[in-house]
Amino acid sequence: AQTQQMPNSSSVSEFLLLAFTDTRELQLLHFSLFLGIYLVALLGNGLILTAIACDHRLHTPMYFFLLNLALLDLGCISTTLPKAMANFLWDTRTISYEGCAAQVLFLAFLFGAEYCLLTVMAYDSYVAICKPLHYGSLLGSRACAQMAAAAWGSGFLDAVLHTANTFSLPLCQGNAVEQFFCEVPQILKLSCSDAYLREVGALVFSISLLFGCFVFILVSYVEIFRAVPRMLSEHGRHKAFSTCLPHMAIVSLLVSTATVAYLKPLSTFLPSLDLVLSFLYSVVPPAVNPLIYSIRNKDIKDALRKL
């Protein structure tokens, strides 16, 4: 099945994903761990979606964006884990060429959209804390829908650029992907020498988007943390910090891990580092976001109790 030194991508009909272990017991253990994480993510995000959809008191801009985040998280974790679990269970490593391209497309789309949405959520927090009197006019239902659509649209454009570029490259370094799912850097490693320079245009677009969003989030939080100490109410200060700090933690995790995974030189071959980084940006946020946004949120807890 594994073919080394292929002349071009047309001869690659499937890829081989990373095998964590050849021991059957450990494969089943990995399956159980991934299944547990997946079920936690499905349950947590599903409960948030249901609570927000069913409780009319949660039909506000903040919860509208949180609903979008839960949808993106469900998509993100469903792109990577089910295939990995199937491979563990059936003791196989293969993924079809089309399946690999679909994973790259959906992961880039959902990850890009999630990052843009986290930027919009930072703006929502900024307006709520720094300009509360203008909240209704700046974040009306139409403005919220447009911002959410812009986040999804930016992610989709970024994903199409990367996927089209990556899968148009001739592959001549075999078909073994050193990862438990298909991602752009791993496919580029299989491309012919220097062919991946064609990916530079898409990378410049991604970096511009990433940097622009990061600066916007940073400025929003600088303004928020300048405004919070001036709040008269101690409850208001506590609520502001409890909303913003988890959001900042997730943004920092996503930005740091994805930046290192995608921007480190392709010649740097550290399988364990690649594995940890990809797990941190693709699996951890979808699983922990529901815990962060529901455990610390009285309104969602009340809505779930009613349900």
C-alpha atoms as a PDB file:
ATOM      1  CA  ALA A   1       0.000   0.000   0.000  1.00  0.00           C
ATOM      2  CA  GLN A   2       2.775   2.433   0.883  1.00  0.00           C
ATOM      3  CA  THR A   3       4.480   3.757  -2.204  1.00  0.00           C
ATOM      4  CA  GLN A   4       7.681   5.786  -2.000  1.00  0.00           C
ATOM      5  CA  GLN A   5       9.134   8.122  -4.693  1.00  0.00           C
ATOM      6  CA  MET A   6       6.022   8.747  -6.717  1.00  0.00           C
ATOM      7  CA  PRO A   7       6.389  10.750  -9.911  1.00  0.00           C
ATOM      8  CA  ASN A   8       3.339  12.975  -9.423  1.00  0.00           C
ATOM      9  CA  SER A   9       0.118  13.424  -7.483  1.00  0.00           C
ATOM     10  CA  SER A  10      -1.991  11.607 -10.082  1.00  0.00           C
ATOM     11  CA  SER A  11      -0.499   8.300  -8.910  1.00  0.00           C
ATOM     12  CA  VAL A  12      -1.526   8.953  -5.276  1.00  0.00           C
ATOM     13  CA  SER A  13      -4.973   7.471  -4.738  1.00  0.00           C
ATOM     14  CA  GLU A  14      -4.715   7.352  -0.947  1.00  0.00           C
ATOM     15  CA  PHE A  15      -2.586   8.575   1.937  1.00  0.00           C
ATOM     16  CA  LEU A  16      -1.295   6.729   4.985  1.00  0.00           C
ATOM     17  CA  LEU A  17      -2.011   8.488   8.269  1.00  0.00           C
ATOM     18  CA  LEU A  18       0.268   8.234  11.294  1.00  0.00           C
ATOM     19  CA  ALA A  19       0.014   4.942  13.195  1.00  0.00           C
ATOM     20  CA  PHE A  20       0.385   5.700  16.908  1.00  0.00           C
ATOM     21  CA  THR A  21       1.199   2.080  17.698  1.00  0.00           C
ATOM     22  CA  ASP A  22       1.108  -1.431  16.251  1.00  0.00           C
ATOM     23  CA  THR A  23      -0.067  -2.958  19.540  1.00  0.00           C
ATOM     24  CA  ARG A  24      -3.761  -3.874  19.347  1.00  0.00           C
ATOM     25  CA  GLU A  25      -4.492  -3.114  23.030  1.00  0.00           C
ATOM     26  CA  LEU A  26      -2.962   0.364  22.715  1.00  0.00           C
ATOM     27  CA  GLN A  27      -4.907   1.008  19.494  1.00  0.00           C
ATOM     28  CA  LEU A  28      -8.137   0.233  21.377  1.00  0.00           C
ATOM     29  CA  LEU A  29      -7.003   2.436  24.269  1.00  0.00           C
ATOM     30  CA  HIS A  30      -6.388   5.328  21.832  1.00  0.00           C
ATOM     31  CA  PHE A  31      -9.814   4.665  20.305  1.00  0.00           C
ATOM     32  CA  SER A  32     -11.425   4.859  23.772  1.00  0.00           C
ATOM     33  CA  LEU A  33      -9.595   8.094  24.652  1.00  0.00           C
ATOM     34  CA  PHE A  34     -10.534   9.766  21.366  1.00  0.00           C
ATOM     35  CA  LEU A  35     -14.131   8.533  21.711  1.00  0.00           C
ATOM     36  CA  GLY A  36     -14.320   9.991  25.233  1.00  0.00           C
ATOM     37  CA  ILE A  37     -13.009  13.379  24.067  1.00  0.00           C
ATOM     38  CA  TYR A  38     -15.356  13.336  21.066  1.00  0.00           C
ATOM     39  CA  LEU A  39     -18.429  12.533  23.188  1.00  0.00           C
ATOM     40  CA  VAL A  40     -17.519  15.302  25.683  1.00  0.00           C
ATOM     41  CA  ALA A  41     -17.245  17.794  22.781  1.00  0.00           C
ATOM     42  CA  LEU A  42     -20.531  16.610  21.205  1.00  0.00           C
ATOM     43  CA  LEU A  43     -22.398  16.745  24.503  1.00  0.00           C
ATOM     44  CA  GLY A  44     -20.978  20.095  25.635  1.00  0.00           C
ATOM     45  CA  ASN A  45     -21.462  21.916  22.330  1.00  0.00           C
ATOM     46  CA  GLY A  46     -24.831  20.231  21.778  1.00  0.00           C
ATOM     47  CA  LEU A  47     -26.082  21.431  25.180  1.00  0.00           C
ATOM     48  CA  ILE A  48     -24.911  24.996  24.475  1.00  0.00           C
ATOM     49  CA  LEU A  49     -26.653  24.976  21.069  1.00  0.00           C
ATOM     50  CA  THR A  50     -29.876  23.628  22.608  1.00  0.00           C
ATOM     51  CA  ALA A  51     -29.821  26.039  25.561  1.00  0.00           C
ATOM     52  CA  ILE A  52     -29.284  29.111  23.361  1.00  0.00           C
ATOM     53  CA  ALA A  53     -31.825  28.032  20.735  1.00  0.00           C
ATOM     54  CA  CYS A  54     -34.544  27.175  23.262  1.00  0.00           C
ATOM     55  CA  ASP A  55     -34.211  30.019  25.803  1.00  0.00           C
ATOM     56  CA  HIS A  56     -35.423  33.362  24.407  1.00  0.00           C
ATOM     57  CA  ARG A  57     -33.498  35.240  27.141  1.00  0.00           C
ATOM     58  CA  LEU A  58     -30.293  34.056  25.473  1.00  0.00           C
ATOM     59  CA  HIS A  59     -31.216  35.568  22.090  1.00  0.00           C
ATOM     60  CA  THR A  60     -28.618  38.337  22.465  1.00  0.00           C
ATOM     61  CA  PRO A  61     -25.479  39.148  20.413  1.00  0.00           C
ATOM     62  CA  MET A  62     -23.106  37.469  22.881  1.00  0.00           C
ATOM     63  CA  TYR A  63     -25.010  34.171  22.825  1.00  0.00           C
ATOM     64  CA  PHE A  64     -25.598  34.362  19.072  1.00  0.00           C
ATOM     65  CA  PHE A  65     -21.804  34.393  18.604  1.00  0.00           C
ATOM     66  CA  LEU A  66     -21.433  31.608  21.175  1.00  0.00           C
ATOM     67  CA  LEU A  67     -23.933  29.513  19.193  1.00  0.00           C
ATOM     68  CA  ASN A  68     -21.810  30.026  16.067  1.00  0.00           C
ATOM     69  CA  LEU A  69     -18.691  29.030  18.043  1.00  0.00           C
ATOM     70  CA  ALA A  70     -20.363  25.804  19.207  1.00  0.00           C
ATOM     71  CA  LEU A  71     -21.310  24.967  15.594  1.00  0.00           C
ATOM     72  CA  LEU A  72     -17.725  25.554  14.414  1.00  0.00           C
ATOM     73  CA  ASP A  73     -16.332  23.470  17.291  1.00  0.00           C
ATOM     74  CA  LEU A  74     -18.635  20.568  16.423  1.00  0.00           C
ATOM     75  CA  GLY A  75     -17.512  20.739  12.799  1.00  0.00           C
ATOM     76  CA  CYS A  76     -13.830  21.064  13.689  1.00  0.00           C
ATOM     77  CA  ILE A  77     -13.651  18.011  15.954  1.00  0.00           C
ATOM     78  CA  SER A  78     -15.885  15.966  13.620  1.00  0.00           C
ATOM     79  CA  THR A  79     -13.420  16.578  10.773  1.00  0.00           C
ATOM     80  CA  THR A  80     -10.474  14.906  12.510  1.00  0.00           C
ATOM     81  CA  LEU A  81     -11.494  12.458  15.251  1.00  0.00           C
ATOM     82  CA  PRO A  82     -14.029  10.069  13.584  1.00  0.00           C
ATOM     83  CA  LYS A  83     -11.559   9.008  10.866  1.00  0.00           C
ATOM     84  CA  ALA A  84      -8.746   8.588  13.421  1.00  0.00           C
ATOM     85  CA  MET A  85     -11.063   6.512  15.639  1.00  0.00           C
ATOM     86  CA  ALA A  86     -12.102   4.321  12.690  1.00  0.00           C
ATOM     87  CA  ASN A  87      -8.429   3.701  11.873  1.00  0.00           C
ATOM     88  CA  PHE A  88      -7.672   2.737  15.491  1.00  0.00           C
ATOM     89  CA  LEU A  89     -10.681   0.429  15.604  1.00  0.00           C
ATOM     90  CA  TRP A  90     -10.096  -1.349  12.275  1.00  0.00           C
ATOM     91  CA  ASP A  91      -6.276  -1.350  12.561  1.00  0.00           C
ATOM     92  CA  THR A  92      -5.750   0.586   9.334  1.00  0.00           C
ATOM     93  CA  ARG A  93      -3.951   3.802   8.321  1.00  0.00           C
ATOM     94  CA  THR A  94      -5.451   4.678   4.956  1.00  0.00           C
ATOM     95  CA  ILE A  95      -7.466   7.720   3.910  1.00  0.00           C
ATOM     96  CA  SER A  96      -8.551   8.320   0.311  1.00  0.00           C
ATOM     97  CA  TYR A  97      -7.103  11.215  -1.723  1.00  0.00           C
ATOM     98  CA  GLU A  98     -10.558  12.872  -1.762  1.00  0.00           C
ATOM     99  CA  GLY A  99     -11.038  12.258   1.965  1.00  0.00           C
ATOM    100  CA  CYS A 100      -7.669  13.859   2.700  1.00  0.00           C
ATOM    101  CA  ALA A 101      -8.521  16.908   0.559  1.00  0.00           C
ATOM    102  CA  ALA A 102     -11.897  17.182   2.341  1.00  0.00           C
ATOM    103  CA  GLN A 103     -10.183  17.106   5.753  1.00  0.00           C
ATOM    104  CA  VAL A 104      -7.770  19.883   4.712  1.00  0.00           C
ATOM    105  CA  LEU A 105     -10.625  21.993   3.282  1.00  0.00           C
ATOM    106  CA  PHE A 106     -12.984  21.625   6.260  1.00  0.00           C
ATOM    107  CA  LEU A 107     -10.306  22.025   8.911  1.00  0.00           C
ATOM    108  CA  ALA A 108      -8.881  25.190   7.305  1.00  0.00           C
ATOM    109  CA  PHE A 109     -12.424  26.542   6.804  1.00  0.00           C
ATOM    110  CA  LEU A 110     -13.647  25.848  10.341  1.00  0.00           C
ATOM    111  CA  PHE A 111     -10.405  26.891  12.036  1.00  0.00           C
ATOM    112  CA  GLY A 112     -10.209  30.152  10.060  1.00  0.00           C
ATOM    113  CA  ALA A 113     -13.868  30.935  10.719  1.00  0.00           C
ATOM    114  CA  GLU A 114     -13.465  30.171  14.439  1.00  0.00           C
ATOM    115  CA  TYR A 115     -10.501  32.516  14.751  1.00  0.00           C
ATOM    116  CA  CYS A 116     -12.406  35.311  12.979  1.00  0.00           C
ATOM    117  CA  LEU A 117     -15.417  34.635  15.225  1.00  0.00           C
ATOM    118  CA  LEU A 118     -13.234  34.888  18.354  1.00  0.00           C
ATOM    119  CA  THR A 119     -12.194  38.315  17.023  1.00  0.00           C
ATOM    120  CA  VAL A 120     -15.844  39.321  16.690  1.00  0.00           C
ATOM    121  CA  MET A 121     -16.484  38.054  20.253  1.00  0.00           C
ATOM    122  CA  ALA A 122     -13.613  40.242  21.510  1.00  0.00           C
ATOM    123  CA  TYR A 123     -15.299  43.227  19.812  1.00  0.00           C
ATOM    124  CA  ASP A 124     -18.622  42.250  21.452  1.00  0.00           C
ATOM    125  CA  SER A 125     -16.919  42.242  24.894  1.00  0.00           C
ATOM    126  CA  TYR A 126     -15.237  45.583  24.135  1.00  0.00           C
ATOM    127  CA  VAL A 127     -18.530  47.281  23.209  1.00  0.00           C
ATOM    128  CA  ALA A 128     -20.371  45.738  26.192  1.00  0.00           C
ATOM    129  CA  ILE A 129     -17.738  46.933  28.690  1.00  0.00           C
ATOM    130  CA  CYS A 130     -16.336  50.129  27.145  1.00  0.00           C
ATOM    131  CA  LYS A 131     -19.376  51.496  25.250  1.00  0.00           C
ATOM    132  CA  PRO A 132     -22.432  50.003  26.997  1.00  0.00           C
ATOM    133  CA  LEU A 133     -24.726  52.892  25.959  1.00  0.00           C
ATOM    134  CA  HIS A 134     -24.011  52.203  22.274  1.00  0.00           C
ATOM    135  CA  TYR A 135     -24.335  48.420  22.527  1.00  0.00           C
ATOM    136  CA  GLY A 136     -27.808  48.224  20.979  1.00  0.00           C
ATOM    137  CA  SER A 137     -26.908  50.432  18.000  1.00  0.00           C
ATOM    138  CA  LEU A 138     -23.453  48.889  17.298  1.00  0.00           C
ATOM    139  CA  LEU A 139     -24.554  45.275  17.717  1.00  0.00           C
ATOM    140  CA  GLY A 140     -28.049  45.097  16.272  1.00  0.00           C
ATOM    141  CA  SER A 141     -29.319  41.826  14.832  1.00  0.00           C
ATOM    142  CA  ARG A 142     -28.332  42.808  11.274  1.00  0.00           C
ATOM    143  CA  ALA A 143     -24.788  43.823  12.301  1.00  0.00           C
ATOM    144  CA  CYS A 144     -24.363  40.555  14.241  1.00  0.00           C
ATOM    145  CA  ALA A 145     -25.512  38.471  11.257  1.00  0.00           C
ATOM    146  CA  GLN A 146     -23.120  40.371   8.952  1.00  0.00           C
ATOM    147  CA  MET A 147     -20.161  39.876  11.324  1.00  0.00           C
ATOM    148  CA  ALA A 148     -20.883  36.157  11.700  1.00  0.00           C
ATOM    149  CA  ALA A 149     -21.248  35.801   7.900  1.00  0.00           C
ATOM    150  CA  ALA A 150     -17.932  37.654   7.421  1.00  0.00           C
ATOM    151  CA  ALA A 151     -16.213  35.230   9.837  1.00  0.00           C
ATOM    152  CA  TRP A 152     -17.579  32.155   8.041  1.00  0.00           C
ATOM    153  CA  GLY A 153     -16.832  33.696   4.625  1.00  0.00           C
ATOM    154  CA  SER A 154     -13.217  34.587   5.521  1.00  0.00           C
ATOM    155  CA  GLY A 155     -12.626  31.039   6.767  1.00  0.00           C
ATOM    156  CA  PHE A 156     -14.078  29.562   3.580  1.00  0.00           C
ATOM    157  CA  LEU A 157     -11.984  31.788   1.279  1.00  0.00           C
ATOM    158  CA  ASP A 158      -8.827  30.934   3.220  1.00  0.00           C
ATOM    159  CA  ALA A 159      -9.646  27.207   3.071  1.00  0.00           C
ATOM    160  CA  VAL A 160     -10.333  27.167  -0.687  1.00  0.00           C
ATOM    161  CA  LEU A 161      -7.042  28.995  -1.367  1.00  0.00           C
ATOM    162  CA  HIS A 162      -4.992  26.565   0.756  1.00  0.00           C
ATOM    163  CA  THR A 163      -6.704  23.397  -0.449  1.00  0.00           C
ATOM    164  CA  ALA A 164      -6.530  24.331  -4.146  1.00  0.00           C
ATOM    165  CA  ASN A 165      -2.852  25.311  -3.820  1.00  0.00           C
ATOM    166  CA  THR A 166      -1.809  22.322  -1.745  1.00  0.00           C
ATOM    167  CA  PHE A 167      -3.505  19.641  -3.841  1.00  0.00           C
ATOM    168  CA  SER A 168      -2.334  21.118  -7.160  1.00  0.00           C
ATOM    169  CA  LEU A 169       1.289  20.409  -6.177  1.00  0.00           C
ATOM    170  CA  PRO A 170       3.051  17.332  -7.619  1.00  0.00           C
ATOM    171  CA  LEU A 171       3.795  14.842  -4.851  1.00  0.00           C
ATOM    172  CA  CYS A 172       7.022  12.868  -5.100  1.00  0.00           C
ATOM    173  CA  GLN A 173       7.931  12.107  -1.483  1.00  0.00           C
ATOM    174  CA  GLY A 174       5.636   9.129  -0.966  1.00  0.00           C
ATOM    175  CA  ASN A 175       2.162   9.145   0.578  1.00  0.00           C
ATOM    176  CA  ALA A 176       2.787   8.734   4.327  1.00  0.00           C
ATOM    177  CA  VAL A 177       1.360  11.670   6.326  1.00  0.00           C
ATOM    178  CA  GLU A 178       3.076  12.042   9.715  1.00  0.00           C
ATOM    179  CA  GLN A 179      -0.145  13.057  11.448  1.00  0.00           C
ATOM    180  CA  PHE A 180      -3.433  11.465  12.571  1.00  0.00           C
ATOM    181  CA  PHE A 181      -5.329  13.678  10.088  1.00  0.00           C
ATOM    182  CA  CYS A 182      -4.479  15.509   6.857  1.00  0.00           C
ATOM    183  CA  GLU A 183      -3.170  19.053   7.297  1.00  0.00           C
ATOM    184  CA  VAL A 184      -1.436  21.456   4.907  1.00  0.00           C
ATOM    185  CA  PRO A 185       2.160  21.307   6.314  1.00  0.00           C
ATOM    186  CA  GLN A 186       2.147  17.500   6.201  1.00  0.00           C
ATOM    187  CA  ILE A 187       0.984  17.411   2.548  1.00  0.00           C
ATOM    188  CA  LEU A 188       3.585  20.057   1.609  1.00  0.00           C
ATOM    189  CA  LYS A 189       6.315  17.775   3.016  1.00  0.00           C
ATOM    190  CA  LEU A 190       5.318  15.234   0.360  1.00  0.00           C
ATOM    191  CA  SER A 191       5.548  17.734  -2.512  1.00  0.00           C
ATOM    192  CA  CYS A 192       8.474  17.906  -4.925  1.00  0.00           C
ATOM    193  CA  SER A 193      11.391  20.120  -3.958  1.00  0.00           C
ATOM    194  CA  ASP A 194      10.474  23.830  -3.799  1.00  0.00           C
ATOM    195  CA  ALA A 195       7.060  23.209  -5.365  1.00  0.00           C
ATOM    196  CA  TYR A 196       5.549  24.327  -2.073  1.00  0.00           C
ATOM    197  CA  LEU A 197       6.713  27.895  -2.806  1.00  0.00           C
ATOM    198  CA  ARG A 198       3.437  28.181  -4.769  1.00  0.00           C
ATOM    199  CA  GLU A 199       1.730  27.989  -1.384  1.00  0.00           C
ATOM    200  CA  VAL A 200       3.342  31.316  -0.398  1.00  0.00           C
ATOM    201  CA  GLY A 201       0.468  33.420  -1.805  1.00  0.00           C
ATOM    202  CA  ALA A 202      -2.125  31.577   0.267  1.00  0.00           C
ATOM    203  CA  LEU A 203       0.178  31.732   3.279  1.00  0.00           C
ATOM    204  CA  VAL A 204       0.542  35.531   2.957  1.00  0.00           C
ATOM    205  CA  PHE A 205      -3.280  35.849   2.922  1.00  0.00           C
ATOM    206  CA  SER A 206      -3.557  33.612   6.011  1.00  0.00           C
ATOM    207  CA  ILE A 207      -0.836  35.450   7.920  1.00  0.00           C
ATOM    208  CA  SER A 208      -2.423  38.826   7.079  1.00  0.00           C
ATOM    209  CA  LEU A 209      -5.795  37.566   8.319  1.00  0.00           C
ATOM    210  CA  LEU A 210      -4.258  35.995  11.435  1.00  0.00           C
ATOM    211  CA  PHE A 211      -2.176  39.065  12.268  1.00  0.00           C
ATOM    212  CA  GLY A 212      -5.048  41.502  11.603  1.00  0.00           C
ATOM    213  CA  CYS A 213      -7.387  39.544  13.873  1.00  0.00           C
ATOM    214  CA  PHE A 214      -4.712  39.185  16.560  1.00  0.00           C
ATOM    215  CA  VAL A 215      -4.002  42.939  16.629  1.00  0.00           C
ATOM    216  CA  PHE A 216      -7.752  43.665  16.790  1.00  0.00           C
ATOM    217  CA  ILE A 217      -8.199  41.217  19.708  1.00  0.00           C
ATOM    218  CA  LEU A 218      -5.161  42.672  21.495  1.00  0.00           C
ATOM    219  CA  VAL A 219      -6.386  46.272  21.151  1.00  0.00           C
ATOM    220  CA  SER A 220      -9.890  45.246  22.305  1.00  0.00           C
ATOM    221  CA  TYR A 221      -8.510  43.640  25.468  1.00  0.00           C
ATOM    222  CA  VAL A 222      -6.130  46.505  26.239  1.00  0.00           C
ATOM    223  CA  GLU A 223      -9.167  48.843  26.159  1.00  0.00           C
ATOM    224  CA  ILE A 224     -11.237  46.393  28.231  1.00  0.00           C
ATOM    225  CA  PHE A 225      -8.577  46.024  30.946  1.00  0.00           C
ATOM    226  CA  ARG A 226      -8.176  49.804  31.060  1.00  0.00           C
ATOM    227  CA  ALA A 227     -11.928  50.219  31.538  1.00  0.00           C
ATOM    228  CA  VAL A 228     -12.542  47.418  34.089  1.00  0.00           C
ATOM    229  CA  PRO A 229     -10.753  49.053  37.106  1.00  0.00           C
ATOM    230  CA  ARG A 230     -12.918  52.160  36.587  1.00  0.00           C
ATOM    231  CA  MET A 231     -16.114  50.151  37.083  1.00  0.00           C
ATOM    232  CA  LEU A 232     -17.933  51.112  40.284  1.00  0.00           C
ATOM    233  CA  SER A 233     -19.509  47.712  40.879  1.00  0.00           C
ATOM    234  CA  GLU A 234     -17.310  44.888  42.131  1.00  0.00           C
ATOM    235  CA  HIS A 235     -19.787  42.398  40.571  1.00  0.00           C
ATOM    236  CA  GLY A 236     -19.332  44.151  37.200  1.00  0.00           C
ATOM    237  CA  ARG A 237     -15.544  43.917  37.466  1.00  0.00           C
ATOM    238  CA  HIS A 238     -15.702  40.229  38.380  1.00  0.00           C
ATOM    239  CA  LYS A 239     -18.114  39.486  35.511  1.00  0.00           C
ATOM    240  CA  ALA A 240     -15.896  41.326  33.010  1.00  0.00           C
ATOM    241  CA  PHE A 241     -12.776  39.401  34.057  1.00  0.00           C
ATOM    242  CA  SER A 242     -14.565  36.034  34.174  1.00  0.00           C
ATOM    243  CA  THR A 243     -15.856  36.613  30.608  1.00  0.00           C
ATOM    244  CA  CYS A 244     -12.610  37.891  29.108  1.00  0.00           C
ATOM    245  CA  LEU A 245      -9.891  35.730  30.672  1.00  0.00           C
ATOM    246  CA  PRO A 246     -11.137  32.335  29.355  1.00  0.00           C
ATOM    247  CA  HIS A 247     -11.651  33.912  25.925  1.00  0.00           C
ATOM    248  CA  MET A 248      -8.066  35.193  25.967  1.00  0.00           C
ATOM    249  CA  ALA A 249      -6.768  31.769  27.036  1.00  0.00           C
ATOM    250  CA  ILE A 250      -8.472  30.028  24.071  1.00  0.00           C
ATOM    251  CA  VAL A 251      -7.258  32.693  21.601  1.00  0.00           C
ATOM    252  CA  SER A 252      -3.679  32.370  22.918  1.00  0.00           C
ATOM    253  CA  LEU A 253      -3.790  28.555  22.644  1.00  0.00           C
ATOM    254  CA  LEU A 254      -5.153  28.639  19.081  1.00  0.00           C
ATOM    255  CA  VAL A 255      -2.759  31.318  17.838  1.00  0.00           C
ATOM    256  CA  SER A 256       0.419  29.924  19.420  1.00  0.00           C
ATOM    257  CA  THR A 257      -0.095  26.263  18.455  1.00  0.00           C
ATOM    258  CA  ALA A 258      -1.404  26.875  14.920  1.00  0.00           C
ATOM    259  CA  THR A 259       1.311  29.458  14.177  1.00  0.00           C
ATOM    260  CA  VAL A 260       4.104  27.067  15.166  1.00  0.00           C
ATOM    261  CA  ALA A 261       2.455  24.112  13.353  1.00  0.00           C
ATOM    262  CA  TYR A 262       1.984  26.021  10.082  1.00  0.00           C
ATOM    263  CA  LEU A 263       4.955  28.395  10.021  1.00  0.00           C
ATOM    264  CA  LYS A 264       7.858  26.296  11.282  1.00  0.00           C
ATOM    265  CA  PRO A 265      10.248  25.212   8.488  1.00  0.00           C
ATOM    266  CA  LEU A 266       9.144  22.068   6.645  1.00  0.00           C
ATOM    267  CA  SER A 267      12.639  20.638   7.131  1.00  0.00           C
ATOM    268  CA  THR A 268      12.124  20.652  10.916  1.00  0.00           C
ATOM    269  CA  PHE A 269      10.961  17.097  11.511  1.00  0.00           C
ATOM    270  CA  LEU A 270       9.742  16.564  15.080  1.00  0.00           C
ATOM    271  CA  PRO A 271       6.856  14.061  14.919  1.00  0.00           C
ATOM    272  CA  SER A 272       6.006  14.286  18.639  1.00  0.00           C
ATOM    273  CA  LEU A 273       5.937  18.129  18.541  1.00  0.00           C
ATOM    274  CA  ASP A 274       3.766  18.105  15.383  1.00  0.00           C
ATOM    275  CA  LEU A 275       1.382  15.670  17.055  1.00  0.00           C
ATOM    276  CA  VAL A 276       1.068  17.697  20.277  1.00  0.00           C
ATOM    277  CA  LEU A 277       0.604  21.002  18.404  1.00  0.00           C
ATOM    278  CA  SER A 278      -2.083  19.609  16.092  1.00  0.00           C
ATOM    279  CA  PHE A 279      -3.897  18.019  19.051  1.00  0.00           C
ATOM    280  CA  LEU A 280      -3.794  21.341  20.955  1.00  0.00           C
ATOM    281  CA  TYR A 281      -5.321  23.404  18.152  1.00  0.00           C
ATOM    282  CA  SER A 282      -7.723  20.895  16.562  1.00  0.00           C
ATOM    283  CA  VAL A 283      -9.033  18.821  19.483  1.00  0.00           C
ATOM    284  CA  VAL A 284      -8.582  20.706  22.775  1.00  0.00           C
ATOM    285  CA  PRO A 285     -10.528  23.949  22.038  1.00  0.00           C
ATOM    286  CA  PRO A 286     -13.715  22.199  20.749  1.00  0.00           C
ATOM    287  CA  ALA A 287     -13.691  19.976  23.855  1.00  0.00           C
ATOM    288  CA  VAL A 288     -12.964  22.682  26.464  1.00  0.00           C
ATOM    289  CA  ASN A 289     -14.848  25.672  24.980  1.00  0.00           C
ATOM    290  CA  PRO A 290     -18.245  24.408  26.242  1.00  0.00           C
ATOM    291  CA  LEU A 291     -16.805  23.933  29.747  1.00  0.00           C
ATOM    292  CA  ILE A 292     -15.256  27.420  29.742  1.00  0.00           C
ATOM    293  CA  TYR A 293     -18.367  29.173  28.438  1.00  0.00           C
ATOM    294  CA  SER A 294     -20.987  27.221  30.410  1.00  0.00           C
ATOM    295  CA  ILE A 295     -19.400  26.562  33.823  1.00  0.00           C
ATOM    296  CA  ARG A 296     -18.624  30.269  34.291  1.00  0.00           C
ATOM    297  CA  ASN A 297     -21.928  31.482  32.868  1.00  0.00           C
ATOM    298  CA  LYS A 298     -24.976  31.772  35.111  1.00  0.00           C
ATOM    299  CA  ASP A 299     -27.462  32.369  32.250  1.00  0.00           C
ATOM    300  CA  ILE A 300     -26.459  29.210  30.390  1.00  0.00           C
ATOM    301  CA  LYS A 301     -26.508  27.158  33.610  1.00  0.00           C
ATOM    302  CA  ASP A 302     -30.047  28.441  34.335  1.00  0.00           C
ATOM    303  CA  ALA A 303     -31.156  27.644  30.762  1.00  0.00           C
ATOM    304  CA  LEU A 304     -29.733  24.105  31.017  1.00  0.00           C
ATOM    305  CA  ARG A 305     -31.481  23.553  34.365  1.00  0.00           C
ATOM    306  CA  LYS A 306     -34.790  24.566  32.735  1.00  0.00           C
ATOM    307  CA  LEU A 307     -34.137  22.162  29.860  1.00  0.00           C
END
